[in-house]
Amino acid sequence: MDSFKAFKEKLDNEHKWPAIYMFKFVAPSAKVQEVLTAFSKETFQMKRSKAGNYVAFTLKKMIKSSDEVVEIYLKARKIEGLIAM
């Protein structure tokens, strides 16, 4: 988590917790089930690309602290091919 120190400081300067935070991810279509499984307790808005090769995921969630934001990004980082926006 130390590599996220500057990011956490920026989040804490820009947000008053708790707050609704929006996460956006893009993943290859073949990884949709892996994303949904990894975040099984979350409800995403999903949109497929025109060619159907990629899916964009949007998650709006009430977050308690910058630590929670970092935890979600760390979880997402484990999915090969997923890009955080």
PDB file of N, CA and C in Angstrom:
ATOM      1  N   MET A   1       0.809  -1.199   0.000  1.00  0.00           N
ATOM      2  CA  MET A   1       0.000   0.000   0.000  1.00  0.00           C
ATOM      3  C   MET A   1       0.851   1.261   0.000  1.00  0.00           C
ATOM      4  N   ASP A   2       2.128   1.145   0.345  1.00  0.00           N
ATOM      5  CA  ASP A   2       2.993   2.312   0.373  1.00  0.00           C
ATOM      6  C   ASP A   2       3.128   2.959  -1.002  1.00  0.00           C
ATOM      7  N   SER A   3       3.034   2.147  -2.066  1.00  0.00           N
ATOM      8  CA  SER A   3       3.135   2.709  -3.407  1.00  0.00           C
ATOM      9  C   SER A   3       1.934   3.586  -3.736  1.00  0.00           C
ATOM     10  N   PHE A   4       0.885   3.499  -2.954  1.00  0.00           N
ATOM     11  CA  PHE A   4      -0.316   4.290  -3.164  1.00  0.00           C
ATOM     12  C   PHE A   4      -0.381   5.510  -2.232  1.00  0.00           C
ATOM     13  N   LYS A   5       0.698   5.795  -1.532  1.00  0.00           N
ATOM     14  CA  LYS A   5       0.696   6.870  -0.538  1.00  0.00           C
ATOM     15  C   LYS A   5       0.293   8.219  -1.146  1.00  0.00           C
ATOM     16  N   ALA A   6       0.904   8.599  -2.254  1.00  0.00           N
ATOM     17  CA  ALA A   6       0.587   9.884  -2.887  1.00  0.00           C
ATOM     18  C   ALA A   6      -0.859   9.898  -3.385  1.00  0.00           C
ATOM     19  N   PHE A   7      -1.313   8.777  -3.928  1.00  0.00           N
ATOM     20  CA  PHE A   7      -2.692   8.669  -4.401  1.00  0.00           C
ATOM     21  C   PHE A   7      -3.664   8.843  -3.233  1.00  0.00           C
ATOM     22  N   LYS A   8      -3.372   8.179  -2.107  1.00  0.00           N
ATOM     23  CA  LYS A   8      -4.235   8.284  -0.927  1.00  0.00           C
ATOM     24  C   LYS A   8      -4.280   9.726  -0.411  1.00  0.00           C
ATOM     25  N   GLU A   9      -3.143  10.397  -0.410  1.00  0.00           N
ATOM     26  CA  GLU A   9      -3.101  11.784   0.046  1.00  0.00           C
ATOM     27  C   GLU A   9      -3.958  12.664  -0.852  1.00  0.00           C
ATOM     28  N   LYS A  10      -3.866  12.440  -2.155  1.00  0.00           N
ATOM     29  CA  LYS A  10      -4.676  13.213  -3.108  1.00  0.00           C
ATOM     30  C   LYS A  10      -6.164  12.937  -2.885  1.00  0.00           C
ATOM     31  N   LEU A  11      -6.514  11.661  -2.699  1.00  0.00           N
ATOM     32  CA  LEU A  11      -7.919  11.324  -2.427  1.00  0.00           C
ATOM     33  C   LEU A  11      -8.416  12.028  -1.167  1.00  0.00           C
ATOM     34  N   ASP A  12      -7.605  11.991  -0.119  1.00  0.00           N
ATOM     35  CA  ASP A  12      -8.007  12.612   1.150  1.00  0.00           C
ATOM     36  C   ASP A  12      -8.124  14.134   1.040  1.00  0.00           C
ATOM     37  N   ASN A  13      -7.329  14.734   0.165  1.00  0.00           N
ATOM     38  CA  ASN A  13      -7.418  16.181  -0.043  1.00  0.00           C
ATOM     39  C   ASN A  13      -8.639  16.566  -0.872  1.00  0.00           C
ATOM     40  N   GLU A  14      -9.090  15.671  -1.748  1.00  0.00           N
ATOM     41  CA  GLU A  14     -10.179  15.991  -2.663  1.00  0.00           C
ATOM     42  C   GLU A  14     -11.547  15.471  -2.218  1.00  0.00           C
ATOM     43  N   HIS A  15     -11.578  14.565  -1.245  1.00  0.00           N
ATOM     44  CA  HIS A  15     -12.838  13.967  -0.810  1.00  0.00           C
ATOM     45  C   HIS A  15     -12.990  14.085   0.696  1.00  0.00           C
ATOM     46  N   LYS A  16     -14.215  14.218   1.117  1.00  0.00           N
ATOM     47  CA  LYS A  16     -14.540  14.160   2.543  1.00  0.00           C
ATOM     48  C   LYS A  16     -15.256  12.831   2.746  1.00  0.00           C
ATOM     49  N   TRP A  17     -14.652  11.946   3.493  1.00  0.00           N
ATOM     50  CA  TRP A  17     -15.188  10.594   3.685  1.00  0.00           C
ATOM     51  C   TRP A  17     -16.190  10.583   4.832  1.00  0.00           C
ATOM     52  N   PRO A  18     -17.222   9.768   4.728  1.00  0.00           N
ATOM     53  CA  PRO A  18     -17.584   8.883   3.618  1.00  0.00           C
ATOM     54  C   PRO A  18     -18.107   9.688   2.429  1.00  0.00           C
ATOM     55  N   ALA A  19     -17.942   9.105   1.240  1.00  0.00           N
ATOM     56  CA  ALA A  19     -18.372   9.759   0.005  1.00  0.00           C
ATOM     57  C   ALA A  19     -18.659   8.700  -1.058  1.00  0.00           C
ATOM     58  N   ILE A  20     -19.470   9.085  -2.025  1.00  0.00           N
ATOM     59  CA  ILE A  20     -19.690   8.206  -3.167  1.00  0.00           C
ATOM     60  C   ILE A  20     -18.501   8.388  -4.102  1.00  0.00           C
ATOM     61  N   TYR A  21     -17.888   7.291  -4.468  1.00  0.00           N
ATOM     62  CA  TYR A  21     -16.719   7.300  -5.349  1.00  0.00           C
ATOM     63  C   TYR A  21     -17.042   6.469  -6.579  1.00  0.00           C
ATOM     64  N   MET A  22     -16.642   6.950  -7.741  1.00  0.00           N
ATOM     65  CA  MET A  22     -16.924   6.230  -8.984  1.00  0.00           C
ATOM     66  C   MET A  22     -15.648   5.560  -9.498  1.00  0.00           C
ATOM     67  N   PHE A  23     -15.750   4.258  -9.723  1.00  0.00           N
ATOM     68  CA  PHE A  23     -14.674   3.470 -10.303  1.00  0.00           C
ATOM     69  C   PHE A  23     -15.052   3.148 -11.735  1.00  0.00           C
ATOM     70  N   LYS A  24     -14.081   3.228 -12.641  1.00  0.00           N
ATOM     71  CA  LYS A  24     -14.298   2.834 -14.028  1.00  0.00           C
ATOM     72  C   LYS A  24     -13.187   1.886 -14.429  1.00  0.00           C
ATOM     73  N   PHE A  25     -13.589   0.772 -15.020  1.00  0.00           N
ATOM     74  CA  PHE A  25     -12.652  -0.236 -15.493  1.00  0.00           C
ATOM     75  C   PHE A  25     -13.041  -0.651 -16.903  1.00  0.00           C
ATOM     76  N   VAL A  26     -12.057  -1.080 -17.667  1.00  0.00           N
ATOM     77  CA  VAL A  26     -12.294  -1.672 -18.983  1.00  0.00           C
ATOM     78  C   VAL A  26     -11.568  -3.006 -18.996  1.00  0.00           C
ATOM     79  N   ALA A  27     -12.259  -4.036 -19.494  1.00  0.00           N
ATOM     80  CA  ALA A  27     -11.661  -5.371 -19.535  1.00  0.00           C
ATOM     81  C   ALA A  27     -12.036  -6.055 -20.836  1.00  0.00           C
ATOM     82  N   PRO A  28     -11.192  -6.978 -21.288  1.00  0.00           N
ATOM     83  CA  PRO A  28     -11.558  -7.779 -22.454  1.00  0.00           C
ATOM     84  C   PRO A  28     -12.849  -8.546 -22.155  1.00  0.00           C
ATOM     85  N   SER A  29     -13.664  -8.746 -23.167  1.00  0.00           N
ATOM     86  CA  SER A  29     -14.933  -9.459 -22.990  1.00  0.00           C
ATOM     87  C   SER A  29     -14.751 -10.820 -22.343  1.00  0.00           C
ATOM     88  N   ALA A  30     -13.643 -11.469 -22.617  1.00  0.00           N
ATOM     89  CA  ALA A  30     -13.375 -12.787 -22.045  1.00  0.00           C
ATOM     90  C   ALA A  30     -13.181 -12.741 -20.527  1.00  0.00           C
ATOM     91  N   LYS A  31     -12.985 -11.561 -19.974  1.00  0.00           N
ATOM     92  CA  LYS A  31     -12.730 -11.409 -18.535  1.00  0.00           C
ATOM     93  C   LYS A  31     -13.959 -10.936 -17.749  1.00  0.00           C
ATOM     94  N   VAL A  32     -15.103 -10.799 -18.407  1.00  0.00           N
ATOM     95  CA  VAL A  32     -16.302 -10.292 -17.735  1.00  0.00           C
ATOM     96  C   VAL A  32     -16.643 -11.133 -16.514  1.00  0.00           C
ATOM     97  N   GLN A  33     -16.683 -12.437 -16.663  1.00  0.00           N
ATOM     98  CA  GLN A  33     -17.054 -13.291 -15.542  1.00  0.00           C
ATOM     99  C   GLN A  33     -16.052 -13.183 -14.401  1.00  0.00           C
ATOM    100  N   GLU A  34     -14.784 -13.044 -14.730  1.00  0.00           N
ATOM    101  CA  GLU A  34     -13.758 -12.904 -13.688  1.00  0.00           C
ATOM    102  C   GLU A  34     -13.958 -11.608 -12.897  1.00  0.00           C
ATOM    103  N   VAL A  35     -14.305 -10.528 -13.595  1.00  0.00           N
ATOM    104  CA  VAL A  35     -14.569  -9.257 -12.916  1.00  0.00           C
ATOM    105  C   VAL A  35     -15.793  -9.396 -12.015  1.00  0.00           C
ATOM    106  N   LEU A  36     -16.857  -9.969 -12.549  1.00  0.00           N
ATOM    107  CA  LEU A  36     -18.090 -10.119 -11.766  1.00  0.00           C
ATOM    108  C   LEU A  36     -17.889 -11.034 -10.564  1.00  0.00           C
ATOM    109  N   THR A  37     -17.056 -12.048 -10.712  1.00  0.00           N
ATOM    110  CA  THR A  37     -16.769 -12.952  -9.600  1.00  0.00           C
ATOM    111  C   THR A  37     -15.926 -12.250  -8.533  1.00  0.00           C
ATOM    112  N   ALA A  38     -14.911 -11.517  -8.969  1.00  0.00           N
ATOM    113  CA  ALA A  38     -14.028 -10.819  -8.022  1.00  0.00           C
ATOM    114  C   ALA A  38     -14.786  -9.757  -7.222  1.00  0.00           C
ATOM    115  N   PHE A  39     -15.789  -9.165  -7.861  1.00  0.00           N
ATOM    116  CA  PHE A  39     -16.571  -8.110  -7.216  1.00  0.00           C
ATOM    117  C   PHE A  39     -18.026  -8.550  -7.077  1.00  0.00           C
ATOM    118  N   SER A  40     -18.225  -9.753  -6.584  1.00  0.00           N
ATOM    119  CA  SER A  40     -19.557 -10.360  -6.547  1.00  0.00           C
ATOM    120  C   SER A  40     -20.558  -9.589  -5.689  1.00  0.00           C
ATOM    121  N   LYS A  41     -20.084  -8.794  -4.757  1.00  0.00           N
ATOM    122  CA  LYS A  41     -20.996  -8.043  -3.885  1.00  0.00           C
ATOM    123  C   LYS A  41     -21.339  -6.669  -4.457  1.00  0.00           C
ATOM    124  N   GLU A  42     -20.789  -6.340  -5.615  1.00  0.00           N
ATOM    125  CA  GLU A  42     -20.987  -5.014  -6.200  1.00  0.00           C
ATOM    126  C   GLU A  42     -21.944  -5.084  -7.389  1.00  0.00           C
ATOM    127  N   THR A  43     -22.565  -3.951  -7.684  1.00  0.00           N
ATOM    128  CA  THR A  43     -23.446  -3.837  -8.843  1.00  0.00           C
ATOM    129  C   THR A  43     -22.822  -2.852  -9.815  1.00  0.00           C
ATOM    130  N   PHE A  44     -22.455  -3.352 -10.977  1.00  0.00           N
ATOM    131  CA  PHE A  44     -21.812  -2.538 -12.001  1.00  0.00           C
ATOM    132  C   PHE A  44     -22.812  -2.150 -13.085  1.00  0.00           C
ATOM    133  N   GLN A  45     -22.567  -1.011 -13.703  1.00  0.00           N
ATOM    134  CA  GLN A  45     -23.181  -0.708 -14.993  1.00  0.00           C
ATOM    135  C   GLN A  45     -22.165  -1.216 -16.001  1.00  0.00           C
ATOM    136  N   MET A  46     -22.627  -1.915 -17.021  1.00  0.00           N
ATOM    137  CA  MET A  46     -21.706  -2.466 -18.011  1.00  0.00           C
ATOM    138  C   MET A  46     -22.110  -2.016 -19.404  1.00  0.00           C
ATOM    139  N   LYS A  47     -21.103  -1.760 -20.236  1.00  0.00           N
ATOM    140  CA  LYS A  47     -21.342  -1.373 -21.619  1.00  0.00           C
ATOM    141  C   LYS A  47     -20.293  -2.047 -22.498  1.00  0.00           C
ATOM    142  N   ARG A  48     -20.761  -2.792 -23.481  1.00  0.00           N
ATOM    143  CA  ARG A  48     -19.853  -3.469 -24.421  1.00  0.00           C
ATOM    144  C   ARG A  48     -19.383  -2.499 -25.492  1.00  0.00           C
ATOM    145  N   SER A  49     -18.168  -2.707 -25.974  1.00  0.00           N
ATOM    146  CA  SER A  49     -17.654  -1.902 -27.075  1.00  0.00           C
ATOM    147  C   SER A  49     -18.425  -2.264 -28.347  1.00  0.00           C
ATOM    148  N   LYS A  50     -18.351  -1.412 -29.358  1.00  0.00           N
ATOM    149  CA  LYS A  50     -19.071  -1.665 -30.608  1.00  0.00           C
ATOM    150  C   LYS A  50     -18.720  -3.015 -31.208  1.00  0.00           C
ATOM    151  N   ALA A  51     -17.453  -3.342 -31.200  1.00  0.00           N
ATOM    152  CA  ALA A  51     -17.011  -4.616 -31.781  1.00  0.00           C
ATOM    153  C   ALA A  51     -17.228  -5.787 -30.822  1.00  0.00           C
ATOM    154  N   GLY A  52     -17.536  -5.475 -29.570  1.00  0.00           N
ATOM    155  CA  GLY A  52     -17.786  -6.521 -28.586  1.00  0.00           C
ATOM    156  C   GLY A  52     -16.538  -7.117 -27.965  1.00  0.00           C
ATOM    157  N   ASN A  53     -15.385  -6.510 -28.221  1.00  0.00           N
ATOM    158  CA  ASN A  53     -14.125  -7.043 -27.694  1.00  0.00           C
ATOM    159  C   ASN A  53     -13.858  -6.659 -26.246  1.00  0.00           C
ATOM    160  N   TYR A  54     -14.455  -5.558 -25.807  1.00  0.00           N
ATOM    161  CA  TYR A  54     -14.213  -5.031 -24.469  1.00  0.00           C
ATOM    162  C   TYR A  54     -15.523  -4.685 -23.776  1.00  0.00           C
ATOM    163  N   VAL A  55     -15.455  -4.628 -22.453  1.00  0.00           N
ATOM    164  CA  VAL A  55     -16.602  -4.208 -21.654  1.00  0.00           C
ATOM    165  C   VAL A  55     -16.120  -3.142 -20.682  1.00  0.00           C
ATOM    166  N   ALA A  56     -16.878  -2.033 -20.611  1.00  0.00           N
ATOM    167  CA  ALA A  56     -16.597  -0.975 -19.646  1.00  0.00           C
ATOM    168  C   ALA A  56     -17.486  -1.207 -18.427  1.00  0.00           C
ATOM    169  N   PHE A  57     -16.890  -1.113 -17.262  1.00  0.00           N
ATOM    170  CA  PHE A  57     -17.594  -1.301 -15.995  1.00  0.00           C
ATOM    171  C   PHE A  57     -17.561   0.010 -15.217  1.00  0.00           C
ATOM    172  N   THR A  58     -18.701   0.417 -14.694  1.00  0.00           N
ATOM    173  CA  THR A  58     -18.773   1.592 -13.827  1.00  0.00           C
ATOM    174  C   THR A  58     -19.392   1.161 -12.513  1.00  0.00           C
ATOM    175  N   LEU A  59     -18.744   1.544 -11.429  1.00  0.00           N
ATOM    176  CA  LEU A  59     -19.218   1.230 -10.088  1.00  0.00           C
ATOM    177  C   LEU A  59     -19.255   2.514  -9.283  1.00  0.00           C
ATOM    178  N   LYS A  60     -20.423   2.852  -8.760  1.00  0.00           N
ATOM    179  CA  LYS A  60     -20.561   3.982  -7.840  1.00  0.00           C
ATOM    180  C   LYS A  60     -20.862   3.382  -6.483  1.00  0.00           C
ATOM    181  N   LYS A  61     -20.013   3.719  -5.510  1.00  0.00           N
ATOM    182  CA  LYS A  61     -20.115   3.073  -4.208  1.00  0.00           C
ATOM    183  C   LYS A  61     -19.818   4.060  -3.084  1.00  0.00           C
ATOM    184  N   MET A  62     -20.554   3.919  -1.988  1.00  0.00           N
ATOM    185  CA  MET A  62     -20.264   4.712  -0.800  1.00  0.00           C
ATOM    186  C   MET A  62     -18.989   4.156  -0.172  1.00  0.00           C
ATOM    187  N   ILE A  63     -17.993   5.004  -0.058  1.00  0.00           N
ATOM    188  CA  ILE A  63     -16.678   4.612   0.419  1.00  0.00           C
ATOM    189  C   ILE A  63     -16.402   5.315   1.740  1.00  0.00           C
ATOM    190  N   LYS A  64     -15.810   4.587   2.679  1.00  0.00           N
ATOM    191  CA  LYS A  64     -15.552   5.126   4.016  1.00  0.00           C
ATOM    192  C   LYS A  64     -14.229   5.866   4.133  1.00  0.00           C
ATOM    193  N   SER A  65     -13.238   5.479   3.302  1.00  0.00           N
ATOM    194  CA  SER A  65     -11.915   6.109   3.408  1.00  0.00           C
ATOM    195  C   SER A  65     -11.105   5.847   2.146  1.00  0.00           C
ATOM    196  N   SER A  66      -9.991   6.561   2.036  1.00  0.00           N
ATOM    197  CA  SER A  66      -9.102   6.351   0.890  1.00  0.00           C
ATOM    198  C   SER A  66      -8.519   4.937   0.908  1.00  0.00           C
ATOM    199  N   ASP A  67      -8.378   4.349   2.090  1.00  0.00           N
ATOM    200  CA  ASP A  67      -7.893   2.968   2.178  1.00  0.00           C
ATOM    201  C   ASP A  67      -8.821   2.008   1.434  1.00  0.00           C
ATOM    202  N   GLU A  68     -10.111   2.237   1.537  1.00  0.00           N
ATOM    203  CA  GLU A  68     -11.080   1.383   0.853  1.00  0.00           C
ATOM    204  C   GLU A  68     -10.976   1.528  -0.668  1.00  0.00           C
ATOM    205  N   VAL A  69     -10.727   2.749  -1.143  1.00  0.00           N
ATOM    206  CA  VAL A  69     -10.530   2.971  -2.582  1.00  0.00           C
ATOM    207  C   VAL A  69      -9.322   2.167  -3.059  1.00  0.00           C
ATOM    208  N   VAL A  70      -8.231   2.274  -2.330  1.00  0.00           N
ATOM    209  CA  VAL A  70      -7.002   1.560  -2.693  1.00  0.00           C
ATOM    210  C   VAL A  70      -7.234   0.052  -2.688  1.00  0.00           C
ATOM    211  N   GLU A  71      -7.963  -0.464  -1.709  1.00  0.00           N
ATOM    212  CA  GLU A  71      -8.248  -1.898  -1.645  1.00  0.00           C
ATOM    213  C   GLU A  71      -8.968  -2.380  -2.901  1.00  0.00           C
ATOM    214  N   ILE A  72      -9.918  -1.584  -3.397  1.00  0.00           N
ATOM    215  CA  ILE A  72     -10.659  -1.969  -4.601  1.00  0.00           C
ATOM    216  C   ILE A  72      -9.731  -1.962  -5.816  1.00  0.00           C
ATOM    217  N   TYR A  73      -8.890  -0.946  -5.923  1.00  0.00           N
ATOM    218  CA  TYR A  73      -7.940  -0.918  -7.046  1.00  0.00           C
ATOM    219  C   TYR A  73      -6.945  -2.077  -6.973  1.00  0.00           C
ATOM    220  N   LEU A  74      -6.514  -2.432  -5.782  1.00  0.00           N
ATOM    221  CA  LEU A  74      -5.595  -3.571  -5.635  1.00  0.00           C
ATOM    222  C   LEU A  74      -6.279  -4.876  -6.049  1.00  0.00           C
ATOM    223  N   LYS A  75      -7.530  -5.018  -5.717  1.00  0.00           N
ATOM    224  CA  LYS A  75      -8.299  -6.200  -6.108  1.00  0.00           C
ATOM    225  C   LYS A  75      -8.438  -6.250  -7.631  1.00  0.00           C
ATOM    226  N   ALA A  76      -8.737  -5.109  -8.235  1.00  0.00           N
ATOM    227  CA  ALA A  76      -8.907  -5.035  -9.691  1.00  0.00           C
ATOM    228  C   ALA A  76      -7.598  -5.327 -10.422  1.00  0.00           C
ATOM    229  N   ARG A  77      -6.516  -4.911  -9.834  1.00  0.00           N
ATOM    230  CA  ARG A  77      -5.190  -5.077 -10.442  1.00  0.00           C
ATOM    231  C   ARG A  77      -4.818  -6.544 -10.655  1.00  0.00           C
ATOM    232  N   LYS A  78      -5.448  -7.431  -9.905  1.00  0.00           N
ATOM    233  CA  LYS A  78      -5.162  -8.863 -10.023  1.00  0.00           C
ATOM    234  C   LYS A  78      -5.781  -9.495 -11.271  1.00  0.00           C
ATOM    235  N   ILE A  79      -6.678  -8.772 -11.933  1.00  0.00           N
ATOM    236  CA  ILE A  79      -7.349  -9.308 -13.119  1.00  0.00           C
ATOM    237  C   ILE A  79      -6.557  -8.914 -14.355  1.00  0.00           C
ATOM    238  N   GLU A  80      -5.994  -9.918 -15.009  1.00  0.00           N
ATOM    239  CA  GLU A  80      -5.148  -9.671 -16.176  1.00  0.00           C
ATOM    240  C   GLU A  80      -5.952  -9.014 -17.292  1.00  0.00           C
ATOM    241  N   GLY A  81      -5.409  -7.928 -17.839  1.00  0.00           N
ATOM    242  CA  GLY A  81      -6.049  -7.248 -18.944  1.00  0.00           C
ATOM    243  C   GLY A  81      -7.003  -6.145 -18.541  1.00  0.00           C
ATOM    244  N   LEU A  82      -7.324  -6.054 -17.248  1.00  0.00           N
ATOM    245  CA  LEU A  82      -8.242  -5.008 -16.776  1.00  0.00           C
ATOM    246  C   LEU A  82      -7.500  -3.689 -16.682  1.00  0.00           C
ATOM    247  N   ILE A  83      -8.131  -2.627 -17.138  1.00  0.00           N
ATOM    248  CA  ILE A  83      -7.542  -1.301 -17.096  1.00  0.00           C
ATOM    249  C   ILE A  83      -8.421  -0.418 -16.224  1.00  0.00           C
ATOM    250  N   ALA A  84      -7.825   0.247 -15.251  1.00  0.00           N
ATOM    251  CA  ALA A  84      -8.537   1.206 -14.407  1.00  0.00           C
ATOM    252  C   ALA A  84      -8.457   2.560 -15.093  1.00  0.00           C
ATOM    253  N   MET A  85      -9.582   3.227 -15.157  1.00  0.00           N
ATOM    254  CA  MET A  85      -9.616   4.542 -15.803  1.00  0.00           C
ATOM    255  C   MET A  85      -9.515   5.643 -14.775  1.00  0.00           C
TER     256      MET A  85
END
